């Protein structure tokens, strides 16, 4: 029996990532607190990655409005 030492999650995690090329990330229901505008990636664990490499916590993000180009 052969068992891989690489985690299987890394192979399938990209299938659960959503990328928006143009979106607005809000921190509140009313849309008064804008956390980021532009490209974002929503990771499988709920964290939001912005192009600078920073991550926004799922607790900090209320909603994301994608804007078509």
C-alpha atoms as a PDB file:
ATOM      1  CA  UNK A   1       0.000   0.000   0.000  1.00  0.00           C
ATOM      2  CA  UNK A   2       1.298   3.435  -0.931  1.00  0.00           C
ATOM      3  CA  UNK A   3       0.333   6.433   1.181  1.00  0.00           C
ATOM      4  CA  UNK A   4       1.170   9.976   0.129  1.00  0.00           C
ATOM      5  CA  UNK A   5       2.801  12.331   2.612  1.00  0.00           C
ATOM      6  CA  UNK A   6       1.264  15.351   0.848  1.00  0.00           C
ATOM      7  CA  UNK A   7      -2.065  16.555   2.229  1.00  0.00           C
ATOM      8  CA  UNK A   8      -4.995  15.947  -0.121  1.00  0.00           C
ATOM      9  CA  UNK A   9      -6.586  19.260   0.835  1.00  0.00           C
ATOM     10  CA  UNK A  10      -4.014  21.273  -1.143  1.00  0.00           C
ATOM     11  CA  UNK A  11      -5.085  19.490  -4.334  1.00  0.00           C
ATOM     12  CA  UNK A  12      -8.792  20.279  -4.026  1.00  0.00           C
ATOM     13  CA  UNK A  13      -8.769  23.581  -2.118  1.00  0.00           C
ATOM     14  CA  UNK A  14      -8.469  25.650  -5.321  1.00  0.00           C
ATOM     15  CA  UNK A  15     -11.876  24.338  -6.391  1.00  0.00           C
ATOM     16  CA  UNK A  16     -13.420  26.150  -3.412  1.00  0.00           C
ATOM     17  CA  UNK A  17     -11.749  29.525  -4.055  1.00  0.00           C
ATOM     18  CA  UNK A  18     -13.810  32.287  -5.649  1.00  0.00           C
ATOM     19  CA  UNK A  19     -11.993  35.145  -7.388  1.00  0.00           C
ATOM     20  CA  UNK A  20     -13.589  38.492  -8.201  1.00  0.00           C
ATOM     21  CA  UNK A  21     -11.635  40.839 -10.458  1.00  0.00           C
ATOM     22  CA  UNK A  22     -13.711  43.836  -9.382  1.00  0.00           C
ATOM     23  CA  UNK A  23     -15.617  43.837  -6.093  1.00  0.00           C
ATOM     24  CA  UNK A  24     -16.320  45.900  -2.999  1.00  0.00           C
ATOM     25  CA  UNK A  25     -15.834  44.306   0.438  1.00  0.00           C
ATOM     26  CA  UNK A  26     -18.026  45.768   3.181  1.00  0.00           C
ATOM     27  CA  UNK A  27     -17.630  45.505   6.927  1.00  0.00           C
ATOM     28  CA  UNK A  28     -21.227  46.386   7.801  1.00  0.00           C
ATOM     29  CA  UNK A  29     -24.791  45.802   6.653  1.00  0.00           C
ATOM     30  CA  UNK A  30     -25.424  49.409   5.582  1.00  0.00           C
ATOM     31  CA  UNK A  31     -22.390  49.523   3.292  1.00  0.00           C
ATOM     32  CA  UNK A  32     -20.843  52.472   5.099  1.00  0.00           C
ATOM     33  CA  UNK A  33     -17.616  50.679   5.993  1.00  0.00           C
ATOM     34  CA  UNK A  34     -15.670  49.749   2.852  1.00  0.00           C
ATOM     35  CA  UNK A  35     -12.777  47.433   3.641  1.00  0.00           C
ATOM     36  CA  UNK A  36     -11.462  47.015   0.096  1.00  0.00           C
ATOM     37  CA  UNK A  37     -12.282  47.786  -3.532  1.00  0.00           C
ATOM     38  CA  UNK A  38     -10.812  45.832  -6.441  1.00  0.00           C
ATOM     39  CA  UNK A  39      -9.661  42.262  -6.918  1.00  0.00           C
ATOM     40  CA  UNK A  40     -10.357  39.772  -4.109  1.00  0.00           C
ATOM     41  CA  UNK A  41     -10.161  36.024  -3.559  1.00  0.00           C
ATOM     42  CA  UNK A  42     -12.521  34.305  -1.151  1.00  0.00           C
ATOM     43  CA  UNK A  43     -10.661  31.292   0.200  1.00  0.00           C
ATOM     44  CA  UNK A  44     -12.211  27.950   1.129  1.00  0.00           C
ATOM     45  CA  UNK A  45     -11.953  28.752   4.826  1.00  0.00           C
ATOM     46  CA  UNK A  46     -13.893  32.032   4.440  1.00  0.00           C
ATOM     47  CA  UNK A  47     -10.962  34.411   4.660  1.00  0.00           C
ATOM     48  CA  UNK A  48     -10.746  37.116   1.980  1.00  0.00           C
ATOM     49  CA  UNK A  49      -7.368  37.695   0.327  1.00  0.00           C
ATOM     50  CA  UNK A  50      -6.576  41.080  -1.232  1.00  0.00           C
ATOM     51  CA  UNK A  51      -3.796  41.668  -3.817  1.00  0.00           C
ATOM     52  CA  UNK A  52      -1.297  42.946  -1.229  1.00  0.00           C
ATOM     53  CA  UNK A  53      -1.337  39.489   0.351  1.00  0.00           C
ATOM     54  CA  UNK A  54      -3.282  40.600   3.399  1.00  0.00           C
ATOM     55  CA  UNK A  55      -6.174  38.522   4.640  1.00  0.00           C
ATOM     56  CA  UNK A  56      -9.491  39.840   5.916  1.00  0.00           C
ATOM     57  CA  UNK A  57     -11.143  37.760   8.619  1.00  0.00           C
ATOM     58  CA  UNK A  58     -14.584  36.277   7.952  1.00  0.00           C
ATOM     59  CA  UNK A  59     -15.668  38.011  11.172  1.00  0.00           C
ATOM     60  CA  UNK A  60     -14.678  41.419   9.754  1.00  0.00           C
ATOM     61  CA  UNK A  61     -16.377  41.013   6.360  1.00  0.00           C
ATOM     62  CA  UNK A  62     -20.145  41.452   6.247  1.00  0.00           C
ATOM     63  CA  UNK A  63     -20.625  41.006   2.508  1.00  0.00           C
ATOM     64  CA  UNK A  64     -18.973  41.321  -0.900  1.00  0.00           C
ATOM     65  CA  UNK A  65     -20.615  42.976  -3.901  1.00  0.00           C
ATOM     66  CA  UNK A  66     -19.029  41.809  -7.165  1.00  0.00           C
ATOM     67  CA  UNK A  67     -19.145  44.275 -10.033  1.00  0.00           C
ATOM     68  CA  UNK A  68     -19.022  42.958 -13.594  1.00  0.00           C
ATOM     69  CA  UNK A  69     -16.478  44.580 -15.850  1.00  0.00           C
END
